[in-house]
Amino acid sequence: MVHKTNDSGLQEYLKSHPKIVIKFYANWCGVCRLFASKFTKVSNKNGNEKLLFLEINAEENPWARNFVSFSNLPFLSIVSNGQVIEASSTSKIEYLESMIERLKTCE
């Protein structure tokens, strides 16, 4: 399940969820729209239940962009215990899955 959130929502989630996967998008970004269904599908896979999947509009949330050192769209980031572990501008499902596996191994 993917939750849409904003700057203040992300700040609250960082306090309450130890492992977070974030996808940044913009309404005008066609690649972001195409990747959205893949991101949702991965979020619903068995084994990902303990991870929180978030979707954040990059244009409307400057705090979140700064937090992950945002560079380009679409943009993915994994966070463990409030610390960014990895962040990348990509729309490759294989890369997302490798990021998730890395996040799962974080303490």
PDB file of N, CA and C in Angstrom:
ATOM      1  N   MET A   1       0.841  -1.178   0.000  1.00  0.00           N
ATOM      2  CA  MET A   1       0.000   0.000   0.000  1.00  0.00           C
ATOM      3  C   MET A   1       0.888   1.244   0.000  1.00  0.00           C
ATOM      4  N   VAL A   2       0.523   2.189  -0.828  1.00  0.00           N
ATOM      5  CA  VAL A   2       1.267   3.437  -0.940  1.00  0.00           C
ATOM      6  C   VAL A   2       0.435   4.554  -0.323  1.00  0.00           C
ATOM      7  N   HIS A   3       1.087   5.365   0.516  1.00  0.00           N
ATOM      8  CA  HIS A   3       0.420   6.503   1.162  1.00  0.00           C
ATOM      9  C   HIS A   3       0.950   7.791   0.542  1.00  0.00           C
ATOM     10  N   LYS A   4       0.042   8.664   0.107  1.00  0.00           N
ATOM     11  CA  LYS A   4       0.461   9.995  -0.342  1.00  0.00           C
ATOM     12  C   LYS A   4       0.631  10.859   0.888  1.00  0.00           C
ATOM     13  N   THR A   5       1.706  11.644   0.907  1.00  0.00           N
ATOM     14  CA  THR A   5       1.945  12.502   2.060  1.00  0.00           C
ATOM     15  C   THR A   5       2.617  13.792   1.613  1.00  0.00           C
ATOM     16  N   ASN A   6       2.939  14.627   2.591  1.00  0.00           N
ATOM     17  CA  ASN A   6       3.569  15.921   2.343  1.00  0.00           C
ATOM     18  C   ASN A   6       4.700  16.127   3.351  1.00  0.00           C
ATOM     19  N   ASP A   7       5.262  17.333   3.396  1.00  0.00           N
ATOM     20  CA  ASP A   7       6.391  17.608   4.294  1.00  0.00           C
ATOM     21  C   ASP A   7       6.079  17.252   5.751  1.00  0.00           C
ATOM     22  N   SER A   8       4.965  17.749   6.260  1.00  0.00           N
ATOM     23  CA  SER A   8       4.647  17.502   7.676  1.00  0.00           C
ATOM     24  C   SER A   8       4.336  16.029   7.918  1.00  0.00           C
ATOM     25  N   GLY A   9       3.663  15.388   6.974  1.00  0.00           N
ATOM     26  CA  GLY A   9       3.380  13.966   7.100  1.00  0.00           C
ATOM     27  C   GLY A   9       4.665  13.146   7.134  1.00  0.00           C
ATOM     28  N   LEU A  10       5.612  13.469   6.252  1.00  0.00           N
ATOM     29  CA  LEU A  10       6.890  12.759   6.241  1.00  0.00           C
ATOM     30  C   LEU A  10       7.607  12.925   7.574  1.00  0.00           C
ATOM     31  N   GLN A  11       7.601  14.123   8.109  1.00  0.00           N
ATOM     32  CA  GLN A  11       8.268  14.353   9.399  1.00  0.00           C
ATOM     33  C   GLN A  11       7.663  13.475  10.491  1.00  0.00           C
ATOM     34  N   GLU A  12       6.348  13.289  10.477  1.00  0.00           N
ATOM     35  CA  GLU A  12       5.695  12.418  11.461  1.00  0.00           C
ATOM     36  C   GLU A  12       6.022  10.948  11.201  1.00  0.00           C
ATOM     37  N   TYR A  13       5.982  10.541   9.934  1.00  0.00           N
ATOM     38  CA  TYR A  13       6.313   9.155   9.601  1.00  0.00           C
ATOM     39  C   TYR A  13       7.737   8.806  10.000  1.00  0.00           C
ATOM     40  N   LEU A  14       8.653   9.747   9.863  1.00  0.00           N
ATOM     41  CA  LEU A  14      10.053   9.490  10.227  1.00  0.00           C
ATOM     42  C   LEU A  14      10.190   9.156  11.713  1.00  0.00           C
ATOM     43  N   LYS A  15       9.308   9.689  12.517  1.00  0.00           N
ATOM     44  CA  LYS A  15       9.334   9.426  13.964  1.00  0.00           C
ATOM     45  C   LYS A  15       8.722   8.075  14.310  1.00  0.00           C
ATOM     46  N   SER A  16       7.805   7.596  13.482  1.00  0.00           N
ATOM     47  CA  SER A  16       7.026   6.418  13.866  1.00  0.00           C
ATOM     48  C   SER A  16       7.278   5.160  13.036  1.00  0.00           C
ATOM     49  N   HIS A  17       7.969   5.271  11.918  1.00  0.00           N
ATOM     50  CA  HIS A  17       8.226   4.105  11.058  1.00  0.00           C
ATOM     51  C   HIS A  17       9.725   3.946  10.829  1.00  0.00           C
ATOM     52  N   PRO A  18      10.274   2.806  11.192  1.00  0.00           N
ATOM     53  CA  PRO A  18      11.727   2.634  11.054  1.00  0.00           C
ATOM     54  C   PRO A  18      12.208   2.443   9.613  1.00  0.00           C
ATOM     55  N   LYS A  19      11.367   1.931   8.715  1.00  0.00           N
ATOM     56  CA  LYS A  19      11.828   1.647   7.350  1.00  0.00           C
ATOM     57  C   LYS A  19      10.827   2.195   6.336  1.00  0.00           C
ATOM     58  N   ILE A  20      11.317   3.152   5.525  1.00  0.00           N
ATOM     59  CA  ILE A  20      10.443   3.881   4.611  1.00  0.00           C
ATOM     60  C   ILE A  20      11.032   3.880   3.202  1.00  0.00           C
ATOM     61  N   VAL A  21      10.154   3.676   2.229  1.00  0.00           N
ATOM     62  CA  VAL A  21      10.509   3.789   0.812  1.00  0.00           C
ATOM     63  C   VAL A  21       9.718   4.975   0.266  1.00  0.00           C
ATOM     64  N   ILE A  22      10.415   5.934  -0.351  1.00  0.00           N
ATOM     65  CA  ILE A  22       9.764   7.156  -0.823  1.00  0.00           C
ATOM     66  C   ILE A  22       9.928   7.284  -2.332  1.00  0.00           C
ATOM     67  N   LYS A  23       8.817   7.610  -2.996  1.00  0.00           N
ATOM     68  CA  LYS A  23       8.849   7.934  -4.429  1.00  0.00           C
ATOM     69  C   LYS A  23       8.382   9.370  -4.590  1.00  0.00           C
ATOM     70  N   PHE A  24       9.211  10.174  -5.245  1.00  0.00           N
ATOM     71  CA  PHE A  24       8.842  11.549  -5.550  1.00  0.00           C
ATOM     72  C   PHE A  24       8.298  11.616  -6.971  1.00  0.00           C
ATOM     73  N   TYR A  25       7.321  12.474  -7.181  1.00  0.00           N
ATOM     74  CA  TYR A  25       6.699  12.636  -8.484  1.00  0.00           C
ATOM     75  C   TYR A  25       6.288  14.087  -8.676  1.00  0.00           C
ATOM     76  N   ALA A  26       5.883  14.412  -9.890  1.00  0.00           N
ATOM     77  CA  ALA A  26       5.235  15.689 -10.205  1.00  0.00           C
ATOM     78  C   ALA A  26       4.071  15.373 -11.141  1.00  0.00           C
ATOM     79  N   ASN A  27       3.038  16.154 -11.063  1.00  0.00           N
ATOM     80  CA  ASN A  27       1.848  15.900 -11.876  1.00  0.00           C
ATOM     81  C   ASN A  27       2.133  15.922 -13.378  1.00  0.00           C
ATOM     82  N   TRP A  28       3.088  16.718 -13.806  1.00  0.00           N
ATOM     83  CA  TRP A  28       3.410  16.849 -15.224  1.00  0.00           C
ATOM     84  C   TRP A  28       4.354  15.759 -15.725  1.00  0.00           C
ATOM     85  N   CYS A  29       4.909  14.943 -14.838  1.00  0.00           N
ATOM     86  CA  CYS A  29       5.945  13.954 -15.179  1.00  0.00           C
ATOM     87  C   CYS A  29       5.322  12.656 -15.696  1.00  0.00           C
ATOM     88  N   GLY A  30       5.418  12.446 -17.003  1.00  0.00           N
ATOM     89  CA  GLY A  30       4.857  11.248 -17.609  1.00  0.00           C
ATOM     90  C   GLY A  30       5.512   9.967 -17.124  1.00  0.00           C
ATOM     91  N   VAL A  31       6.822   9.967 -16.991  1.00  0.00           N
ATOM     92  CA  VAL A  31       7.534   8.787 -16.501  1.00  0.00           C
ATOM     93  C   VAL A  31       7.083   8.463 -15.076  1.00  0.00           C
ATOM     94  N   CYS A  32       6.846   9.490 -14.273  1.00  0.00           N
ATOM     95  CA  CYS A  32       6.371   9.284 -12.898  1.00  0.00           C
ATOM     96  C   CYS A  32       5.019   8.575 -12.900  1.00  0.00           C
ATOM     97  N   ARG A  33       4.142   8.997 -13.788  1.00  0.00           N
ATOM     98  CA  ARG A  33       2.811   8.373 -13.884  1.00  0.00           C
ATOM     99  C   ARG A  33       2.918   6.910 -14.307  1.00  0.00           C
ATOM    100  N   LEU A  34       3.795   6.633 -15.267  1.00  0.00           N
ATOM    101  CA  LEU A  34       3.984   5.253 -15.721  1.00  0.00           C
ATOM    102  C   LEU A  34       4.575   4.372 -14.617  1.00  0.00           C
ATOM    103  N   PHE A  35       5.460   4.939 -13.815  1.00  0.00           N
ATOM    104  CA  PHE A  35       6.130   4.179 -12.762  1.00  0.00           C
ATOM    105  C   PHE A  35       5.224   3.964 -11.544  1.00  0.00           C
ATOM    106  N   ALA A  36       4.207   4.775 -11.380  1.00  0.00           N
ATOM    107  CA  ALA A  36       3.347   4.721 -10.186  1.00  0.00           C
ATOM    108  C   ALA A  36       2.728   3.343  -9.970  1.00  0.00           C
ATOM    109  N   SER A  37       2.223   2.715 -11.015  1.00  0.00           N
ATOM    110  CA  SER A  37       1.595   1.406 -10.850  1.00  0.00           C
ATOM    111  C   SER A  37       2.618   0.338 -10.474  1.00  0.00           C
ATOM    112  N   LYS A  38       3.828   0.444 -11.004  1.00  0.00           N
ATOM    113  CA  LYS A  38       4.891  -0.498 -10.645  1.00  0.00           C
ATOM    114  C   LYS A  38       5.276  -0.345  -9.167  1.00  0.00           C
ATOM    115  N   PHE A  39       5.361   0.910  -8.729  1.00  0.00           N
ATOM    116  CA  PHE A  39       5.697   1.195  -7.330  1.00  0.00           C
ATOM    117  C   PHE A  39       4.630   0.602  -6.403  1.00  0.00           C
ATOM    118  N   THR A  40       3.366   0.774  -6.775  1.00  0.00           N
ATOM    119  CA  THR A  40       2.270   0.220  -5.977  1.00  0.00           C
ATOM    120  C   THR A  40       2.332  -1.302  -5.954  1.00  0.00           C
ATOM    121  N   LYS A  41       2.591  -1.905  -7.102  1.00  0.00           N
ATOM    122  CA  LYS A  41       2.682  -3.363  -7.182  1.00  0.00           C
ATOM    123  C   LYS A  41       3.787  -3.899  -6.265  1.00  0.00           C
ATOM    124  N   VAL A  42       4.938  -3.256  -6.276  1.00  0.00           N
ATOM    125  CA  VAL A  42       6.047  -3.679  -5.403  1.00  0.00           C
ATOM    126  C   VAL A  42       5.670  -3.500  -3.939  1.00  0.00           C
ATOM    127  N   SER A  43       4.969  -2.423  -3.624  1.00  0.00           N
ATOM    128  CA  SER A  43       4.592  -2.174  -2.225  1.00  0.00           C
ATOM    129  C   SER A  43       3.686  -3.270  -1.679  1.00  0.00           C
ATOM    130  N   ASN A  44       2.928  -3.918  -2.566  1.00  0.00           N
ATOM    131  CA  ASN A  44       1.982  -4.957  -2.154  1.00  0.00           C
ATOM    132  C   ASN A  44       2.561  -6.368  -2.170  1.00  0.00           C
ATOM    133  N   LYS A  45       3.830  -6.496  -2.536  1.00  0.00           N
ATOM    134  CA  LYS A  45       4.451  -7.822  -2.586  1.00  0.00           C
ATOM    135  C   LYS A  45       4.610  -8.405  -1.192  1.00  0.00           C
ATOM    136  N   ASN A  46       4.480  -9.737  -1.104  1.00  0.00           N
ATOM    137  CA  ASN A  46       4.756 -10.433   0.157  1.00  0.00           C
ATOM    138  C   ASN A  46       6.187 -10.125   0.585  1.00  0.00           C
ATOM    139  N   GLY A  47       6.354  -9.901   1.871  1.00  0.00           N
ATOM    140  CA  GLY A  47       7.675  -9.590   2.406  1.00  0.00           C
ATOM    141  C   GLY A  47       7.914  -8.107   2.597  1.00  0.00           C
ATOM    142  N   ASN A  48       7.041  -7.270   2.034  1.00  0.00           N
ATOM    143  CA  ASN A  48       7.210  -5.819   2.158  1.00  0.00           C
ATOM    144  C   ASN A  48       6.242  -5.201   3.164  1.00  0.00           C
ATOM    145  N   GLU A  49       5.548  -6.046   3.929  1.00  0.00           N
ATOM    146  CA  GLU A  49       4.519  -5.547   4.848  1.00  0.00           C
ATOM    147  C   GLU A  49       5.069  -4.632   5.940  1.00  0.00           C
ATOM    148  N   LYS A  50       6.324  -4.831   6.331  1.00  0.00           N
ATOM    149  CA  LYS A  50       6.894  -4.034   7.422  1.00  0.00           C
ATOM    150  C   LYS A  50       7.481  -2.709   6.942  1.00  0.00           C
ATOM    151  N   LEU A  51       7.448  -2.481   5.632  1.00  0.00           N
ATOM    152  CA  LEU A  51       7.971  -1.248   5.064  1.00  0.00           C
ATOM    153  C   LEU A  51       6.826  -0.275   4.811  1.00  0.00           C
ATOM    154  N   LEU A  52       7.096   0.999   4.979  1.00  0.00           N
ATOM    155  CA  LEU A  52       6.128   2.043   4.679  1.00  0.00           C
ATOM    156  C   LEU A  52       6.481   2.648   3.324  1.00  0.00           C
ATOM    157  N   PHE A  53       5.546   2.619   2.389  1.00  0.00           N
ATOM    158  CA  PHE A  53       5.749   3.180   1.060  1.00  0.00           C
ATOM    159  C   PHE A  53       5.024   4.513   0.962  1.00  0.00           C
ATOM    160  N   LEU A  54       5.775   5.557   0.601  1.00  0.00           N
ATOM    161  CA  LEU A  54       5.223   6.904   0.515  1.00  0.00           C
ATOM    162  C   LEU A  54       5.399   7.467  -0.884  1.00  0.00           C
ATOM    163  N   GLU A  55       4.462   8.325  -1.261  1.00  0.00           N
ATOM    164  CA  GLU A  55       4.506   9.051  -2.519  1.00  0.00           C
ATOM    165  C   GLU A  55       4.393  10.530  -2.170  1.00  0.00           C
ATOM    166  N   ILE A  56       5.343  11.338  -2.665  1.00  0.00           N
ATOM    167  CA  ILE A  56       5.393  12.755  -2.305  1.00  0.00           C
ATOM    168  C   ILE A  56       5.525  13.597  -3.570  1.00  0.00           C
ATOM    169  N   ASN A  57       4.693  14.620  -3.688  1.00  0.00           N
ATOM    170  CA  ASN A  57       4.786  15.557  -4.802  1.00  0.00           C
ATOM    171  C   ASN A  57       6.022  16.426  -4.592  1.00  0.00           C
ATOM    172  N   ALA A  58       6.991  16.291  -5.485  1.00  0.00           N
ATOM    173  CA  ALA A  58       8.264  16.996  -5.332  1.00  0.00           C
ATOM    174  C   ALA A  58       8.120  18.511  -5.406  1.00  0.00           C
ATOM    175  N   GLU A  59       7.197  18.982  -6.222  1.00  0.00           N
ATOM    176  CA  GLU A  59       7.054  20.428  -6.397  1.00  0.00           C
ATOM    177  C   GLU A  59       6.450  21.118  -5.178  1.00  0.00           C
ATOM    178  N   GLU A  60       5.660  20.400  -4.409  1.00  0.00           N
ATOM    179  CA  GLU A  60       4.931  21.010  -3.301  1.00  0.00           C
ATOM    180  C   GLU A  60       5.567  20.788  -1.930  1.00  0.00           C
ATOM    181  N   ASN A  61       6.677  20.067  -1.869  1.00  0.00           N
ATOM    182  CA  ASN A  61       7.237  19.675  -0.569  1.00  0.00           C
ATOM    183  C   ASN A  61       8.749  19.879  -0.499  1.00  0.00           C
ATOM    184  N   PRO A  62       9.184  21.128  -0.298  1.00  0.00           N
ATOM    185  CA  PRO A  62      10.619  21.444  -0.294  1.00  0.00           C
ATOM    186  C   PRO A  62      11.394  20.784   0.854  1.00  0.00           C
ATOM    187  N   TRP A  63      10.769  20.615   2.006  1.00  0.00           N
ATOM    188  CA  TRP A  63      11.478  19.983   3.126  1.00  0.00           C
ATOM    189  C   TRP A  63      11.856  18.551   2.769  1.00  0.00           C
ATOM    190  N   ALA A  64      10.915  17.820   2.200  1.00  0.00           N
ATOM    191  CA  ALA A  64      11.178  16.425   1.814  1.00  0.00           C
ATOM    192  C   ALA A  64      12.262  16.354   0.747  1.00  0.00           C
ATOM    193  N   ARG A  65      12.226  17.256  -0.227  1.00  0.00           N
ATOM    194  CA  ARG A  65      13.269  17.285  -1.274  1.00  0.00           C
ATOM    195  C   ARG A  65      14.644  17.478  -0.652  1.00  0.00           C
ATOM    196  N   ASN A  66      14.762  18.416   0.255  1.00  0.00           N
ATOM    197  CA  ASN A  66      16.052  18.664   0.915  1.00  0.00           C
ATOM    198  C   ASN A  66      16.485  17.477   1.758  1.00  0.00           C
ATOM    199  N   PHE A  67      15.558  16.858   2.442  1.00  0.00           N
ATOM    200  CA  PHE A  67      15.873  15.729   3.328  1.00  0.00           C
ATOM    201  C   PHE A  67      16.565  14.599   2.569  1.00  0.00           C
ATOM    202  N   VAL A  68      16.121  14.319   1.341  1.00  0.00           N
ATOM    203  CA  VAL A  68      16.691  13.202   0.576  1.00  0.00           C
ATOM    204  C   VAL A  68      17.706  13.647  -0.474  1.00  0.00           C
ATOM    205  N   SER A  69      18.017  14.932  -0.525  1.00  0.00           N
ATOM    206  CA  SER A  69      18.933  15.475  -1.547  1.00  0.00           C
ATOM    207  C   SER A  69      18.415  15.173  -2.954  1.00  0.00           C
ATOM    208  N   PHE A  70      17.176  15.490  -3.161  1.00  0.00           N
ATOM    209  CA  PHE A  70      16.459  15.291  -4.422  1.00  0.00           C
ATOM    210  C   PHE A  70      17.219  15.899  -5.592  1.00  0.00           C
ATOM    211  N   SER A  71      17.218  15.178  -6.750  1.00  0.00           N
ATOM    212  CA  SER A  71      17.902  15.729  -7.920  1.00  0.00           C
ATOM    213  C   SER A  71      17.054  15.767  -9.187  1.00  0.00           C
ATOM    214  N   ASN A  72      16.240  14.741  -9.451  1.00  0.00           N
ATOM    215  CA  ASN A  72      15.507  14.666 -10.705  1.00  0.00           C
ATOM    216  C   ASN A  72      14.335  13.706 -10.548  1.00  0.00           C
ATOM    217  N   LEU A  73      13.401  13.737 -11.480  1.00  0.00           N
ATOM    218  CA  LEU A  73      12.224  12.866 -11.400  1.00  0.00           C
ATOM    219  C   LEU A  73      12.299  11.722 -12.395  1.00  0.00           C
ATOM    220  N   PRO A  74      11.698  10.591 -12.092  1.00  0.00           N
ATOM    221  CA  PRO A  74      11.217  10.197 -10.768  1.00  0.00           C
ATOM    222  C   PRO A  74      12.398   9.944  -9.838  1.00  0.00           C
ATOM    223  N   PHE A  75      12.156  10.068  -8.554  1.00  0.00           N
ATOM    224  CA  PHE A  75      13.234   9.967  -7.574  1.00  0.00           C
ATOM    225  C   PHE A  75      12.812   9.033  -6.452  1.00  0.00           C
ATOM    226  N   LEU A  76      13.675   8.097  -6.109  1.00  0.00           N
ATOM    227  CA  LEU A  76      13.402   7.127  -5.046  1.00  0.00           C
ATOM    228  C   LEU A  76      14.396   7.301  -3.917  1.00  0.00           C
ATOM    229  N   SER A  77      13.938   7.018  -2.710  1.00  0.00           N
ATOM    230  CA  SER A  77      14.806   7.086  -1.538  1.00  0.00           C
ATOM    231  C   SER A  77      14.374   6.035  -0.531  1.00  0.00           C
ATOM    232  N   ILE A  78      15.353   5.461   0.173  1.00  0.00           N
ATOM    233  CA  ILE A  78      15.033   4.565   1.281  1.00  0.00           C
ATOM    234  C   ILE A  78      15.586   5.180   2.560  1.00  0.00           C
ATOM    235  N   VAL A  79      14.806   5.043   3.627  1.00  0.00           N
ATOM    236  CA  VAL A  79      15.142   5.654   4.911  1.00  0.00           C
ATOM    237  C   VAL A  79      15.038   4.590   5.999  1.00  0.00           C
ATOM    238  N   SER A  80      16.081   4.499   6.820  1.00  0.00           N
ATOM    239  CA  SER A  80      16.073   3.583   7.956  1.00  0.00           C
ATOM    240  C   SER A  80      16.322   4.368   9.232  1.00  0.00           C
ATOM    241  N   ASN A  81      15.401   4.274  10.165  1.00  0.00           N
ATOM    242  CA  ASN A  81      15.509   4.971  11.451  1.00  0.00           C
ATOM    243  C   ASN A  81      15.832   6.456  11.285  1.00  0.00           C
ATOM    244  N   GLY A  82      15.144   7.095  10.350  1.00  0.00           N
ATOM    245  CA  GLY A  82      15.286   8.535  10.161  1.00  0.00           C
ATOM    246  C   GLY A  82      16.482   8.969   9.336  1.00  0.00           C
ATOM    247  N   GLN A  83      17.280   8.029   8.828  1.00  0.00           N
ATOM    248  CA  GLN A  83      18.473   8.356   8.047  1.00  0.00           C
ATOM    249  C   GLN A  83      18.313   7.869   6.611  1.00  0.00           C
ATOM    250  N   VAL A  84      18.620   8.729   5.656  1.00  0.00           N
ATOM    251  CA  VAL A  84      18.579   8.332   4.250  1.00  0.00           C
ATOM    252  C   VAL A  84      19.716   7.350   4.005  1.00  0.00           C
ATOM    253  N   ILE A  85      19.371   6.166   3.514  1.00  0.00           N
ATOM    254  CA  ILE A  85      20.352   5.124   3.228  1.00  0.00           C
ATOM    255  C   ILE A  85      20.802   5.190   1.776  1.00  0.00           C
ATOM    256  N   GLU A  86      19.851   5.447   0.894  1.00  0.00           N
ATOM    257  CA  GLU A  86      20.159   5.512  -0.536  1.00  0.00           C
ATOM    258  C   GLU A  86      19.092   6.352  -1.212  1.00  0.00           C
ATOM    259  N   ALA A  87      19.500   7.065  -2.259  1.00  0.00           N
ATOM    260  CA  ALA A  87      18.569   7.883  -3.031  1.00  0.00           C
ATOM    261  C   ALA A  87      19.053   7.939  -4.471  1.00  0.00           C
ATOM    262  N   SER A  88      18.105   7.860  -5.406  1.00  0.00           N
ATOM    263  CA  SER A  88      18.500   7.837  -6.806  1.00  0.00           C
ATOM    264  C   SER A  88      17.350   8.275  -7.702  1.00  0.00           C
ATOM    265  N   SER A  89      17.702   8.911  -8.800  1.00  0.00           N
ATOM    266  CA  SER A  89      16.727   9.255  -9.825  1.00  0.00           C
ATOM    267  C   SER A  89      16.640   8.071 -10.778  1.00  0.00           C
ATOM    268  N   THR A  90      15.549   7.309 -10.685  1.00  0.00           N
ATOM    269  CA  THR A  90      15.392   6.117 -11.507  1.00  0.00           C
ATOM    270  C   THR A  90      13.924   5.734 -11.630  1.00  0.00           C
ATOM    271  N   SER A  91      13.621   5.010 -12.681  1.00  0.00           N
ATOM    272  CA  SER A  91      12.281   4.434 -12.826  1.00  0.00           C
ATOM    273  C   SER A  91      12.395   2.950 -13.144  1.00  0.00           C
ATOM    274  N   LYS A  92      13.520   2.361 -12.813  1.00  0.00           N
ATOM    275  CA  LYS A  92      13.747   0.942 -13.071  1.00  0.00           C
ATOM    276  C   LYS A  92      13.260   0.111 -11.887  1.00  0.00           C
ATOM    277  N   ILE A  93      12.365  -0.813 -12.158  1.00  0.00           N
ATOM    278  CA  ILE A  93      11.781  -1.648 -11.116  1.00  0.00           C
ATOM    279  C   ILE A  93      12.848  -2.501 -10.431  1.00  0.00           C
ATOM    280  N   GLU A  94      13.831  -2.972 -11.199  1.00  0.00           N
ATOM    281  CA  GLU A  94      14.901  -3.796 -10.624  1.00  0.00           C
ATOM    282  C   GLU A  94      15.710  -3.005  -9.605  1.00  0.00           C
ATOM    283  N   TYR A  95      15.944  -1.733  -9.893  1.00  0.00           N
ATOM    284  CA  TYR A  95      16.691  -0.900  -8.966  1.00  0.00           C
ATOM    285  C   TYR A  95      15.883  -0.662  -7.690  1.00  0.00           C
ATOM    286  N   LEU A  96      14.591  -0.419  -7.850  1.00  0.00           N
ATOM    287  CA  LEU A  96      13.717  -0.262  -6.682  1.00  0.00           C
ATOM    288  C   LEU A  96      13.774  -1.516  -5.814  1.00  0.00           C
ATOM    289  N   GLU A  97      13.667  -2.675  -6.433  1.00  0.00           N
ATOM    290  CA  GLU A  97      13.696  -3.929  -5.668  1.00  0.00           C
ATOM    291  C   GLU A  97      15.027  -4.128  -4.960  1.00  0.00           C
ATOM    292  N   SER A  98      16.134  -3.733  -5.574  1.00  0.00           N
ATOM    293  CA  SER A  98      17.439  -3.853  -4.905  1.00  0.00           C
ATOM    294  C   SER A  98      17.535  -2.874  -3.727  1.00  0.00           C
ATOM    295  N   MET A  99      16.951  -1.692  -3.880  1.00  0.00           N
ATOM    296  CA  MET A  99      16.926  -0.730  -2.775  1.00  0.00           C
ATOM    297  C   MET A  99      16.132  -1.302  -1.597  1.00  0.00           C
ATOM    298  N   ILE A 100      15.001  -1.928  -1.899  1.00  0.00           N
ATOM    299  CA  ILE A 100      14.154  -2.510  -0.853  1.00  0.00           C
ATOM    300  C   ILE A 100      14.892  -3.626  -0.127  1.00  0.00           C
ATOM    301  N   GLU A 101      15.596  -4.465  -0.866  1.00  0.00           N
ATOM    302  CA  GLU A 101      16.352  -5.547  -0.221  1.00  0.00           C
ATOM    303  C   GLU A 101      17.432  -4.965   0.686  1.00  0.00           C
ATOM    304  N   ARG A 102      18.064  -3.896   0.256  1.00  0.00           N
ATOM    305  CA  ARG A 102      19.075  -3.229   1.107  1.00  0.00           C
ATOM    306  C   ARG A 102      18.415  -2.681   2.375  1.00  0.00           C
ATOM    307  N   LEU A 103      17.249  -2.055   2.215  1.00  0.00           N
ATOM    308  CA  LEU A 103      16.540  -1.495   3.370  1.00  0.00           C
ATOM    309  C   LEU A 103      16.177  -2.585   4.385  1.00  0.00           C
ATOM    310  N   LYS A 104      15.765  -3.728   3.889  1.00  0.00           N
ATOM    311  CA  LYS A 104      15.369  -4.829   4.779  1.00  0.00           C
ATOM    312  C   LYS A 104      16.530  -5.309   5.643  1.00  0.00           C
ATOM    313  N   THR A 105      17.757  -5.150   5.168  1.00  0.00           N
ATOM    314  CA  THR A 105      18.920  -5.623   5.940  1.00  0.00           C
ATOM    315  C   THR A 105      19.415  -4.587   6.952  1.00  0.00           C
ATOM    316  N   CYS A 106      18.896  -3.373   6.879  1.00  0.00           N
ATOM    317  CA  CYS A 106      19.310  -2.326   7.832  1.00  0.00           C
ATOM    318  C   CYS A 106      18.764  -2.623   9.212  1.00  0.00           C
ATOM    319  N   GLU A 107      19.565  -2.335  10.205  1.00  0.00           N
ATOM    320  CA  GLU A 107      19.126  -2.519  11.606  1.00  0.00           C
ATOM    321  C   GLU A 107      18.383  -1.304  12.070  1.00  0.00           C
TER     322      GLU A 107
END
